[in-house]
Amino acid sequence: MLKGLGGMADMAKMMKAAQEMQGKMAQLQEDLKSIKVVGESGAGLVKATATAKGELTALDIDPSIFNSDDKEVVEDLILAAIKDAQTKAEDRSREEMGKMAEAMGLPRDMQMPF
């Protein structure tokens, strides 16, 4: 059907591949919303749960750390757990993007615009 059109057939293949990639990227963005990571601080006394998109979804604080004299320590532990969760979310997102790139025949470490 496209025989004899030369580059037009290649362009059609590229457009189809781009559409498939766009669909896969959209699905991955949705999947990242359901992947959970847990950041910790204070040897697990404070745990922050986030999605791989970086959205904080839960915070778990061991009651043993509640002492009014240690307010600043508790605040620091909470911030540390949240930062740990965010870092893990970024790492997991990068990992999932790499898997997708590799499955599409692209370099695993290719920086995608999403």
PDB file of N, CA and C in Angstrom:
ATOM      1  N   MET A   1       0.831  -1.197   0.000  1.00  0.00           N
ATOM      2  CA  MET A   1       0.000   0.000   0.000  1.00  0.00           C
ATOM      3  C   MET A   1       0.866   1.248   0.000  1.00  0.00           C
ATOM      4  N   LEU A   2       1.877   1.315   0.846  1.00  0.00           N
ATOM      5  CA  LEU A   2       2.749   2.480   0.868  1.00  0.00           C
ATOM      6  C   LEU A   2       4.016   2.229   0.068  1.00  0.00           C
ATOM      7  N   LYS A   3       4.047   1.114  -0.644  1.00  0.00           N
ATOM      8  CA  LYS A   3       5.215   0.769  -1.438  1.00  0.00           C
ATOM      9  C   LYS A   3       5.436   1.835  -2.500  1.00  0.00           C
ATOM     10  N   GLY A   4       6.669   2.218  -2.659  1.00  0.00           N
ATOM     11  CA  GLY A   4       6.972   3.223  -3.663  1.00  0.00           C
ATOM     12  C   GLY A   4       6.955   4.633  -3.110  1.00  0.00           C
ATOM     13  N   LEU A   5       6.495   4.778  -1.893  1.00  0.00           N
ATOM     14  CA  LEU A   5       6.486   6.105  -1.292  1.00  0.00           C
ATOM     15  C   LEU A   5       7.765   6.381  -0.511  1.00  0.00           C
ATOM     16  N   GLY A   6       8.644   5.387  -0.422  1.00  0.00           N
ATOM     17  CA  GLY A   6       9.946   5.574   0.206  1.00  0.00           C
ATOM     18  C   GLY A   6       9.870   6.045   1.632  1.00  0.00           C
ATOM     19  N   GLY A   7      10.319   7.263   1.857  1.00  0.00           N
ATOM     20  CA  GLY A   7      10.400   7.839   3.195  1.00  0.00           C
ATOM     21  C   GLY A   7       9.050   7.999   3.876  1.00  0.00           C
ATOM     22  N   MET A   8       7.994   8.049   3.121  1.00  0.00           N
ATOM     23  CA  MET A   8       6.661   8.210   3.718  1.00  0.00           C
ATOM     24  C   MET A   8       6.297   7.004   4.578  1.00  0.00           C
ATOM     25  N   ALA A   9       6.696   5.800   4.138  1.00  0.00           N
ATOM     26  CA  ALA A   9       6.412   4.598   4.921  1.00  0.00           C
ATOM     27  C   ALA A   9       7.184   4.647   6.236  1.00  0.00           C
ATOM     28  N   ASP A  10       8.442   5.098   6.160  1.00  0.00           N
ATOM     29  CA  ASP A  10       9.245   5.229   7.378  1.00  0.00           C
ATOM     30  C   ASP A  10       8.635   6.263   8.315  1.00  0.00           C
ATOM     31  N   MET A  11       8.141   7.342   7.748  1.00  0.00           N
ATOM     32  CA  MET A  11       7.525   8.397   8.561  1.00  0.00           C
ATOM     33  C   MET A  11       6.272   7.863   9.250  1.00  0.00           C
ATOM     34  N   ALA A  12       5.496   7.058   8.538  1.00  0.00           N
ATOM     35  CA  ALA A  12       4.289   6.474   9.124  1.00  0.00           C
ATOM     36  C   ALA A  12       4.656   5.553  10.288  1.00  0.00           C
ATOM     37  N   LYS A  13       5.746   4.785  10.123  1.00  0.00           N
ATOM     38  CA  LYS A  13       6.200   3.902  11.197  1.00  0.00           C
ATOM     39  C   LYS A  13       6.638   4.724  12.408  1.00  0.00           C
ATOM     40  N   MET A  14       7.359   5.805  12.141  1.00  0.00           N
ATOM     41  CA  MET A  14       7.819   6.658  13.230  1.00  0.00           C
ATOM     42  C   MET A  14       6.640   7.288  13.967  1.00  0.00           C
ATOM     43  N   MET A  15       5.645   7.728  13.229  1.00  0.00           N
ATOM     44  CA  MET A  15       4.468   8.336  13.856  1.00  0.00           C
ATOM     45  C   MET A  15       3.727   7.315  14.711  1.00  0.00           C
ATOM     46  N   LYS A  16       3.610   6.095  14.205  1.00  0.00           N
ATOM     47  CA  LYS A  16       2.936   5.049  14.965  1.00  0.00           C
ATOM     48  C   LYS A  16       3.717   4.740  16.242  1.00  0.00           C
ATOM     49  N   ALA A  17       5.056   4.653  16.115  1.00  0.00           N
ATOM     50  CA  ALA A  17       5.893   4.385  17.282  1.00  0.00           C
ATOM     51  C   ALA A  17       5.777   5.516  18.305  1.00  0.00           C
ATOM     52  N   ALA A  18       5.718   6.752  17.833  1.00  0.00           N
ATOM     53  CA  ALA A  18       5.583   7.902  18.730  1.00  0.00           C
ATOM     54  C   ALA A  18       4.245   7.851  19.463  1.00  0.00           C
ATOM     55  N   GLN A  19       3.192   7.462  18.768  1.00  0.00           N
ATOM     56  CA  GLN A  19       1.879   7.356  19.411  1.00  0.00           C
ATOM     57  C   GLN A  19       1.878   6.250  20.465  1.00  0.00           C
ATOM     58  N   GLU A  20       2.535   5.117  20.133  1.00  0.00           N
ATOM     59  CA  GLU A  20       2.621   4.022  21.096  1.00  0.00           C
ATOM     60  C   GLU A  20       3.398   4.461  22.329  1.00  0.00           C
ATOM     61  N   MET A  21       4.495   5.179  22.104  1.00  0.00           N
ATOM     62  CA  MET A  21       5.309   5.670  23.216  1.00  0.00           C
ATOM     63  C   MET A  21       4.502   6.627  24.088  1.00  0.00           C
ATOM     64  N   GLN A  22       3.743   7.485  23.463  1.00  0.00           N
ATOM     65  CA  GLN A  22       2.924   8.436  24.209  1.00  0.00           C
ATOM     66  C   GLN A  22       1.909   7.699  25.078  1.00  0.00           C
ATOM     67  N   GLY A  23       1.304   6.666  24.531  1.00  0.00           N
ATOM     68  CA  GLY A  23       0.348   5.868  25.298  1.00  0.00           C
ATOM     69  C   GLY A  23       1.006   5.155  26.464  1.00  0.00           C
ATOM     70  N   LYS A  24       2.214   4.603  26.221  1.00  0.00           N
ATOM     71  CA  LYS A  24       2.935   3.911  27.284  1.00  0.00           C
ATOM     72  C   LYS A  24       3.364   4.891  28.375  1.00  0.00           C
ATOM     73  N   MET A  25       3.768   6.085  27.978  1.00  0.00           N
ATOM     74  CA  MET A  25       4.172   7.097  28.957  1.00  0.00           C
ATOM     75  C   MET A  25       2.979   7.513  29.818  1.00  0.00           C
ATOM     76  N   ALA A  26       1.831   7.668  29.194  1.00  0.00           N
ATOM     77  CA  ALA A  26       0.630   8.036  29.943  1.00  0.00           C
ATOM     78  C   ALA A  26       0.286   6.940  30.951  1.00  0.00           C
ATOM     79  N   GLN A  27       0.410   5.678  30.533  1.00  0.00           N
ATOM     80  CA  GLN A  27       0.126   4.570  31.433  1.00  0.00           C
ATOM     81  C   GLN A  27       1.135   4.541  32.575  1.00  0.00           C
ATOM     82  N   LEU A  28       2.410   4.778  32.257  1.00  0.00           N
ATOM     83  CA  LEU A  28       3.433   4.788  33.299  1.00  0.00           C
ATOM     84  C   LEU A  28       3.164   5.893  34.311  1.00  0.00           C
ATOM     85  N   GLN A  29       2.765   7.059  33.845  1.00  0.00           N
ATOM     86  CA  GLN A  29       2.457   8.163  34.761  1.00  0.00           C
ATOM     87  C   GLN A  29       1.333   7.760  35.714  1.00  0.00           C
ATOM     88  N   GLU A  30       0.348   7.028  35.211  1.00  0.00           N
ATOM     89  CA  GLU A  30      -0.736   6.535  36.065  1.00  0.00           C
ATOM     90  C   GLU A  30      -0.214   5.485  37.050  1.00  0.00           C
ATOM     91  N   ASP A  31       0.644   4.579  36.542  1.00  0.00           N
ATOM     92  CA  ASP A  31       1.190   3.529  37.399  1.00  0.00           C
ATOM     93  C   ASP A  31       2.017   4.118  38.536  1.00  0.00           C
ATOM     94  N   LEU A  32       2.761   5.194  38.262  1.00  0.00           N
ATOM     95  CA  LEU A  32       3.603   5.811  39.287  1.00  0.00           C
ATOM     96  C   LEU A  32       2.773   6.341  40.454  1.00  0.00           C
ATOM     97  N   LYS A  33       1.507   6.624  40.194  1.00  0.00           N
ATOM     98  CA  LYS A  33       0.632   7.103  41.266  1.00  0.00           C
ATOM     99  C   LYS A  33       0.285   5.993  42.262  1.00  0.00           C
ATOM    100  N   SER A  34       0.403   4.725  41.821  1.00  0.00           N
ATOM    101  CA  SER A  34       0.024   3.621  42.711  1.00  0.00           C
ATOM    102  C   SER A  34       1.237   2.913  43.326  1.00  0.00           C
ATOM    103  N   ILE A  35       2.432   3.218  42.859  1.00  0.00           N
ATOM    104  CA  ILE A  35       3.635   2.621  43.446  1.00  0.00           C
ATOM    105  C   ILE A  35       3.967   3.379  44.731  1.00  0.00           C
ATOM    106  N   LYS A  36       4.145   2.649  45.806  1.00  0.00           N
ATOM    107  CA  LYS A  36       4.413   3.257  47.115  1.00  0.00           C
ATOM    108  C   LYS A  36       5.872   3.057  47.511  1.00  0.00           C
ATOM    109  N   VAL A  37       6.454   4.078  48.109  1.00  0.00           N
ATOM    110  CA  VAL A  37       7.791   4.001  48.699  1.00  0.00           C
ATOM    111  C   VAL A  37       7.690   4.523  50.125  1.00  0.00           C
ATOM    112  N   VAL A  38       8.572   4.032  50.997  1.00  0.00           N
ATOM    113  CA  VAL A  38       8.551   4.448  52.397  1.00  0.00           C
ATOM    114  C   VAL A  38       9.923   4.997  52.773  1.00  0.00           C
ATOM    115  N   GLY A  39       9.926   6.243  53.244  1.00  0.00           N
ATOM    116  CA  GLY A  39      11.145   6.856  53.759  1.00  0.00           C
ATOM    117  C   GLY A  39      11.132   6.771  55.274  1.00  0.00           C
ATOM    118  N   GLU A  40      12.320   6.605  55.856  1.00  0.00           N
ATOM    119  CA  GLU A  40      12.411   6.446  57.306  1.00  0.00           C
ATOM    120  C   GLU A  40      13.474   7.361  57.893  1.00  0.00           C
ATOM    121  N   SER A  41      13.312   7.656  59.165  1.00  0.00           N
ATOM    122  CA  SER A  41      14.343   8.359  59.920  1.00  0.00           C
ATOM    123  C   SER A  41      14.261   7.897  61.365  1.00  0.00           C
ATOM    124  N   GLY A  42      15.318   8.193  62.122  1.00  0.00           N
ATOM    125  CA  GLY A  42      15.321   7.804  63.530  1.00  0.00           C
ATOM    126  C   GLY A  42      15.204   6.310  63.711  1.00  0.00           C
ATOM    127  N   ALA A  43      15.908   5.543  62.888  1.00  0.00           N
ATOM    128  CA  ALA A  43      15.878   4.071  62.958  1.00  0.00           C
ATOM    129  C   ALA A  43      14.454   3.527  62.867  1.00  0.00           C
ATOM    130  N   GLY A  44      13.646   4.150  62.024  1.00  0.00           N
ATOM    131  CA  GLY A  44      12.282   3.681  61.803  1.00  0.00           C
ATOM    132  C   GLY A  44      11.240   4.273  62.731  1.00  0.00           C
ATOM    133  N   LEU A  45      11.632   5.216  63.584  1.00  0.00           N
ATOM    134  CA  LEU A  45      10.658   5.828  64.483  1.00  0.00           C
ATOM    135  C   LEU A  45       9.677   6.723  63.733  1.00  0.00           C
ATOM    136  N   VAL A  46      10.134   7.289  62.618  1.00  0.00           N
ATOM    137  CA  VAL A  46       9.266   8.115  61.782  1.00  0.00           C
ATOM    138  C   VAL A  46       9.330   7.549  60.367  1.00  0.00           C
ATOM    139  N   LYS A  47       8.161   7.285  59.788  1.00  0.00           N
ATOM    140  CA  LYS A  47       8.076   6.746  58.432  1.00  0.00           C
ATOM    141  C   LYS A  47       7.129   7.612  57.607  1.00  0.00           C
ATOM    142  N   ALA A  48       7.566   7.951  56.415  1.00  0.00           N
ATOM    143  CA  ALA A  48       6.742   8.725  55.486  1.00  0.00           C
ATOM    144  C   ALA A  48       6.515   7.871  54.248  1.00  0.00           C
ATOM    145  N   THR A  49       5.268   7.725  53.845  1.00  0.00           N
ATOM    146  CA  THR A  49       4.923   6.953  52.659  1.00  0.00           C
ATOM    147  C   THR A  49       4.523   7.920  51.557  1.00  0.00           C
ATOM    148  N   ALA A  50       5.045   7.670  50.358  1.00  0.00           N
ATOM    149  CA  ALA A  50       4.741   8.522  49.212  1.00  0.00           C
ATOM    150  C   ALA A  50       4.534   7.656  47.980  1.00  0.00           C
ATOM    151  N   THR A  51       3.907   8.230  46.970  1.00  0.00           N
ATOM    152  CA  THR A  51       3.811   7.552  45.685  1.00  0.00           C
ATOM    153  C   THR A  51       5.122   7.783  44.940  1.00  0.00           C
ATOM    154  N   ALA A  52       5.354   7.010  43.879  1.00  0.00           N
ATOM    155  CA  ALA A  52       6.555   7.202  43.073  1.00  0.00           C
ATOM    156  C   ALA A  52       6.514   8.542  42.338  1.00  0.00           C
ATOM    157  N   LYS A  53       5.375   9.203  42.354  1.00  0.00           N
ATOM    158  CA  LYS A  53       5.262  10.552  41.796  1.00  0.00           C
ATOM    159  C   LYS A  53       5.688  11.596  42.832  1.00  0.00           C
ATOM    160  N   GLY A  54       5.935  11.159  44.073  1.00  0.00           N
ATOM    161  CA  GLY A  54       6.398  12.065  45.114  1.00  0.00           C
ATOM    162  C   GLY A  54       5.305  12.642  45.989  1.00  0.00           C
ATOM    163  N   GLU A  55       4.091  12.154  45.845  1.00  0.00           N
ATOM    164  CA  GLU A  55       2.978  12.657  46.662  1.00  0.00           C
ATOM    165  C   GLU A  55       2.982  11.946  48.015  1.00  0.00           C
ATOM    166  N   LEU A  56       3.109  12.709  49.090  1.00  0.00           N
ATOM    167  CA  LEU A  56       3.090  12.152  50.441  1.00  0.00           C
ATOM    168  C   LEU A  56       1.689  11.640  50.740  1.00  0.00           C
ATOM    169  N   THR A  57       1.592  10.365  51.142  1.00  0.00           N
ATOM    170  CA  THR A  57       0.275   9.775  51.391  1.00  0.00           C
ATOM    171  C   THR A  57       0.049   9.373  52.843  1.00  0.00           C
ATOM    172  N   ALA A  58       1.128   9.177  53.606  1.00  0.00           N
ATOM    173  CA  ALA A  58       0.964   8.770  55.005  1.00  0.00           C
ATOM    174  C   ALA A  58       2.205   9.137  55.805  1.00  0.00           C
ATOM    175  N   LEU A  59       1.991   9.311  57.078  1.00  0.00           N
ATOM    176  CA  LEU A  59       3.071   9.608  58.013  1.00  0.00           C
ATOM    177  C   LEU A  59       2.817   8.775  59.259  1.00  0.00           C
ATOM    178  N   ASP A  60       3.803   7.972  59.659  1.00  0.00           N
ATOM    179  CA  ASP A  60       3.672   7.107  60.831  1.00  0.00           C
ATOM    180  C   ASP A  60       4.750   7.501  61.837  1.00  0.00           C
ATOM    181  N   ILE A  61       4.320   7.888  63.033  1.00  0.00           N
ATOM    182  CA  ILE A  61       5.245   8.342  64.064  1.00  0.00           C
ATOM    183  C   ILE A  61       5.094   7.452  65.287  1.00  0.00           C
ATOM    184  N   ASP A  62       6.195   6.849  65.707  1.00  0.00           N
ATOM    185  CA  ASP A  62       6.189   6.013  66.905  1.00  0.00           C
ATOM    186  C   ASP A  62       5.909   6.910  68.115  1.00  0.00           C
ATOM    187  N   PRO A  63       4.937   6.558  68.941  1.00  0.00           N
ATOM    188  CA  PRO A  63       4.566   7.412  70.072  1.00  0.00           C
ATOM    189  C   PRO A  63       5.681   7.616  71.097  1.00  0.00           C
ATOM    190  N   SER A  64       6.690   6.777  71.077  1.00  0.00           N
ATOM    191  CA  SER A  64       7.762   6.903  72.066  1.00  0.00           C
ATOM    192  C   SER A  64       8.587   8.174  71.889  1.00  0.00           C
ATOM    193  N   ILE A  65       8.469   8.832  70.740  1.00  0.00           N
ATOM    194  CA  ILE A  65       9.273  10.032  70.522  1.00  0.00           C
ATOM    195  C   ILE A  65       8.579  11.308  70.983  1.00  0.00           C
ATOM    196  N   PHE A  66       7.352  11.201  71.461  1.00  0.00           N
ATOM    197  CA  PHE A  66       6.632  12.389  71.894  1.00  0.00           C
ATOM    198  C   PHE A  66       7.025  12.792  73.309  1.00  0.00           C
ATOM    199  N   ASN A  67       7.843  13.796  73.353  1.00  0.00           N
ATOM    200  CA  ASN A  67       8.297  14.373  74.603  1.00  0.00           C
ATOM    201  C   ASN A  67       8.461  15.858  74.294  1.00  0.00           C
ATOM    202  N   SER A  68       7.789  16.693  75.031  1.00  0.00           N
ATOM    203  CA  SER A  68       7.790  18.123  74.712  1.00  0.00           C
ATOM    204  C   SER A  68       9.191  18.734  74.687  1.00  0.00           C
ATOM    205  N   ASP A  69      10.117  18.135  75.414  1.00  0.00           N
ATOM    206  CA  ASP A  69      11.496  18.641  75.418  1.00  0.00           C
ATOM    207  C   ASP A  69      12.204  18.349  74.089  1.00  0.00           C
ATOM    208  N   ASP A  70      11.704  17.380  73.342  1.00  0.00           N
ATOM    209  CA  ASP A  70      12.347  16.946  72.100  1.00  0.00           C
ATOM    210  C   ASP A  70      11.605  17.407  70.850  1.00  0.00           C
ATOM    211  N   LYS A  71      10.831  18.463  70.973  1.00  0.00           N
ATOM    212  CA  LYS A  71      10.022  18.942  69.849  1.00  0.00           C
ATOM    213  C   LYS A  71      10.860  19.143  68.588  1.00  0.00           C
ATOM    214  N   GLU A  72      12.003  19.791  68.690  1.00  0.00           N
ATOM    215  CA  GLU A  72      12.839  20.052  67.521  1.00  0.00           C
ATOM    216  C   GLU A  72      13.388  18.757  66.917  1.00  0.00           C
ATOM    217  N   VAL A  73      13.714  17.812  67.776  1.00  0.00           N
ATOM    218  CA  VAL A  73      14.208  16.518  67.287  1.00  0.00           C
ATOM    219  C   VAL A  73      13.113  15.813  66.492  1.00  0.00           C
ATOM    220  N   VAL A  74      11.900  15.822  67.017  1.00  0.00           N
ATOM    221  CA  VAL A  74      10.773  15.190  66.329  1.00  0.00           C
ATOM    222  C   VAL A  74      10.540  15.861  64.979  1.00  0.00           C
ATOM    223  N   GLU A  75      10.571  17.178  64.954  1.00  0.00           N
ATOM    224  CA  GLU A  75      10.373  17.899  63.689  1.00  0.00           C
ATOM    225  C   GLU A  75      11.460  17.528  62.690  1.00  0.00           C
ATOM    226  N   ASP A  76      12.696  17.435  63.153  1.00  0.00           N
ATOM    227  CA  ASP A  76      13.802  17.045  62.269  1.00  0.00           C
ATOM    228  C   ASP A  76      13.617  15.624  61.738  1.00  0.00           C
ATOM    229  N   LEU A  77      13.170  14.719  62.597  1.00  0.00           N
ATOM    230  CA  LEU A  77      12.935  13.338  62.170  1.00  0.00           C
ATOM    231  C   LEU A  77      11.826  13.269  61.120  1.00  0.00           C
ATOM    232  N   ILE A  78      10.781  14.061  61.311  1.00  0.00           N
ATOM    233  CA  ILE A  78       9.682  14.081  60.338  1.00  0.00           C
ATOM    234  C   ILE A  78      10.181  14.594  58.992  1.00  0.00           C
ATOM    235  N   LEU A  79      10.900  15.688  59.014  1.00  0.00           N
ATOM    236  CA  LEU A  79      11.445  16.231  57.759  1.00  0.00           C
ATOM    237  C   LEU A  79      12.386  15.239  57.086  1.00  0.00           C
ATOM    238  N   ALA A  80      13.219  14.578  57.860  1.00  0.00           N
ATOM    239  CA  ALA A  80      14.155  13.609  57.299  1.00  0.00           C
ATOM    240  C   ALA A  80      13.424  12.437  56.646  1.00  0.00           C
ATOM    241  N   ALA A  81      12.352  11.959  57.287  1.00  0.00           N
ATOM    242  CA  ALA A  81      11.583  10.848  56.722  1.00  0.00           C
ATOM    243  C   ALA A  81      10.902  11.269  55.420  1.00  0.00           C
ATOM    244  N   ILE A  82      10.372  12.477  55.388  1.00  0.00           N
ATOM    245  CA  ILE A  82       9.715  12.972  54.178  1.00  0.00           C
ATOM    246  C   ILE A  82      10.730  13.114  53.048  1.00  0.00           C
ATOM    247  N   LYS A  83      11.889  13.681  53.356  1.00  0.00           N
ATOM    248  CA  LYS A  83      12.923  13.828  52.329  1.00  0.00           C
ATOM    249  C   LYS A  83      13.387  12.466  51.821  1.00  0.00           C
ATOM    250  N   ASP A  84      13.497  11.496  52.720  1.00  0.00           N
ATOM    251  CA  ASP A  84      13.892  10.144  52.324  1.00  0.00           C
ATOM    252  C   ASP A  84      12.842   9.533  51.391  1.00  0.00           C
ATOM    253  N   ALA A  85      11.580   9.720  51.717  1.00  0.00           N
ATOM    254  CA  ALA A  85      10.499   9.202  50.864  1.00  0.00           C
ATOM    255  C   ALA A  85      10.529   9.872  49.497  1.00  0.00           C
ATOM    256  N   GLN A  86      10.760  11.184  49.458  1.00  0.00           N
ATOM    257  CA  GLN A  86      10.811  11.893  48.184  1.00  0.00           C
ATOM    258  C   GLN A  86      11.984  11.415  47.332  1.00  0.00           C
ATOM    259  N   THR A  87      13.121  11.184  47.955  1.00  0.00           N
ATOM    260  CA  THR A  87      14.288  10.681  47.224  1.00  0.00           C
ATOM    261  C   THR A  87      14.004   9.298  46.657  1.00  0.00           C
ATOM    262  N   LYS A  88      13.386   8.445  47.468  1.00  0.00           N
ATOM    263  CA  LYS A  88      13.046   7.096  47.005  1.00  0.00           C
ATOM    264  C   LYS A  88      12.012   7.159  45.886  1.00  0.00           C
ATOM    265  N   ALA A  89      11.088   8.111  45.964  1.00  0.00           N
ATOM    266  CA  ALA A  89      10.085   8.270  44.905  1.00  0.00           C
ATOM    267  C   ALA A  89      10.766   8.665  43.593  1.00  0.00           C
ATOM    268  N   GLU A  90      11.699   9.597  43.656  1.00  0.00           N
ATOM    269  CA  GLU A  90      12.426  10.011  42.454  1.00  0.00           C
ATOM    270  C   GLU A  90      13.211   8.838  41.872  1.00  0.00           C
ATOM    271  N   ASP A  91      13.884   8.086  42.739  1.00  0.00           N
ATOM    272  CA  ASP A  91      14.661   6.934  42.284  1.00  0.00           C
ATOM    273  C   ASP A  91      13.765   5.898  41.617  1.00  0.00           C
ATOM    274  N   ARG A  92      12.628   5.625  42.230  1.00  0.00           N
ATOM    275  CA  ARG A  92      11.712   4.614  41.680  1.00  0.00           C
ATOM    276  C   ARG A  92      11.129   5.080  40.357  1.00  0.00           C
ATOM    277  N   SER A  93      10.790   6.348  40.277  1.00  0.00           N
ATOM    278  CA  SER A  93      10.259   6.902  39.032  1.00  0.00           C
ATOM    279  C   SER A  93      11.303   6.776  37.926  1.00  0.00           C
ATOM    280  N   ARG A  94      12.546   7.128  38.235  1.00  0.00           N
ATOM    281  CA  ARG A  94      13.634   7.026  37.258  1.00  0.00           C
ATOM    282  C   ARG A  94      13.826   5.575  36.830  1.00  0.00           C
ATOM    283  N   GLU A  95      13.728   4.643  37.786  1.00  0.00           N
ATOM    284  CA  GLU A  95      13.869   3.221  37.493  1.00  0.00           C
ATOM    285  C   GLU A  95      12.774   2.746  36.534  1.00  0.00           C
ATOM    286  N   GLU A  96      11.532   3.141  36.817  1.00  0.00           N
ATOM    287  CA  GLU A  96      10.409   2.734  35.966  1.00  0.00           C
ATOM    288  C   GLU A  96      10.532   3.337  34.565  1.00  0.00           C
ATOM    289  N   MET A  97      10.968   4.583  34.478  1.00  0.00           N
ATOM    290  CA  MET A  97      11.173   5.229  33.173  1.00  0.00           C
ATOM    291  C   MET A  97      12.266   4.497  32.399  1.00  0.00           C
ATOM    292  N   GLY A  98      13.324   4.091  33.107  1.00  0.00           N
ATOM    293  CA  GLY A  98      14.410   3.359  32.465  1.00  0.00           C
ATOM    294  C   GLY A  98      13.940   2.029  31.907  1.00  0.00           C
ATOM    295  N   LYS A  99      13.097   1.336  32.666  1.00  0.00           N
ATOM    296  CA  LYS A  99      12.547   0.063  32.189  1.00  0.00           C
ATOM    297  C   LYS A  99      11.757   0.274  30.909  1.00  0.00           C
ATOM    298  N   MET A 100      10.962   1.356  30.887  1.00  0.00           N
ATOM    299  CA  MET A 100      10.153   1.627  29.704  1.00  0.00           C
ATOM    300  C   MET A 100      11.043   1.955  28.511  1.00  0.00           C
ATOM    301  N   ALA A 101      12.036   2.772  28.727  1.00  0.00           N
ATOM    302  CA  ALA A 101      12.945   3.147  27.641  1.00  0.00           C
ATOM    303  C   ALA A 101      13.629   1.903  27.084  1.00  0.00           C
ATOM    304  N   GLU A 102      14.104   1.050  27.970  1.00  0.00           N
ATOM    305  CA  GLU A 102      14.788  -0.173  27.561  1.00  0.00           C
ATOM    306  C   GLU A 102      13.853  -1.079  26.763  1.00  0.00           C
ATOM    307  N   ALA A 103      12.607  -1.194  27.196  1.00  0.00           N
ATOM    308  CA  ALA A 103      11.630  -2.029  26.500  1.00  0.00           C
ATOM    309  C   ALA A 103      11.342  -1.498  25.097  1.00  0.00           C
ATOM    310  N   MET A 104      11.554  -0.213  24.907  1.00  0.00           N
ATOM    311  CA  MET A 104      11.309   0.396  23.598  1.00  0.00           C
ATOM    312  C   MET A 104      12.577   0.436  22.752  1.00  0.00           C
ATOM    313  N   GLY A 105      13.667  -0.184  23.257  1.00  0.00           N
ATOM    314  CA  GLY A 105      14.897  -0.227  22.500  1.00  0.00           C
ATOM    315  C   GLY A 105      15.743   1.036  22.623  1.00  0.00           C
ATOM    316  N   LEU A 106      15.417   1.859  23.604  1.00  0.00           N
ATOM    317  CA  LEU A 106      16.176   3.086  23.829  1.00  0.00           C
ATOM    318  C   LEU A 106      17.159   2.857  24.967  1.00  0.00           C
ATOM    319  N   PRO A 107      18.170   3.722  25.088  1.00  0.00           N
ATOM    320  CA  PRO A 107      19.098   3.575  26.220  1.00  0.00           C
ATOM    321  C   PRO A 107      18.353   3.726  27.552  1.00  0.00           C
ATOM    322  N   ARG A 108      18.667   2.874  28.514  1.00  0.00           N
ATOM    323  CA  ARG A 108      17.996   2.867  29.815  1.00  0.00           C
ATOM    324  C   ARG A 108      18.117   4.203  30.527  1.00  0.00           C
ATOM    325  N   ASP A 109      19.252   4.878  30.344  1.00  0.00           N
ATOM    326  CA  ASP A 109      19.472   6.131  31.052  1.00  0.00           C
ATOM    327  C   ASP A 109      19.058   7.358  30.246  1.00  0.00           C
ATOM    328  N   MET A 110      18.311   7.158  29.185  1.00  0.00           N
ATOM    329  CA  MET A 110      17.849   8.272  28.372  1.00  0.00           C
ATOM    330  C   MET A 110      16.905   9.147  29.194  1.00  0.00           C
ATOM    331  N   GLN A 111      17.154  10.432  29.187  1.00  0.00           N
ATOM    332  CA  GLN A 111      16.328  11.372  29.949  1.00  0.00           C
ATOM    333  C   GLN A 111      15.053  11.658  29.156  1.00  0.00           C
ATOM    334  N   MET A 112      13.928  11.202  29.678  1.00  0.00           N
ATOM    335  CA  MET A 112      12.650  11.465  29.021  1.00  0.00           C
ATOM    336  C   MET A 112      12.102  12.794  29.539  1.00  0.00           C
ATOM    337  N   PRO A 113      11.322  13.459  28.735  1.00  0.00           N
ATOM    338  CA  PRO A 113      10.851  14.786  29.112  1.00  0.00           C
ATOM    339  C   PRO A 113       9.721  14.814  30.122  1.00  0.00           C
ATOM    340  N   PHE A 114       9.443  13.731  30.793  1.00  0.00           N
ATOM    341  CA  PHE A 114       8.307  13.697  31.715  1.00  0.00           C
ATOM    342  C   PHE A 114       8.796  13.622  33.124  1.00  0.00           C
TER     343      PHE A 114
END
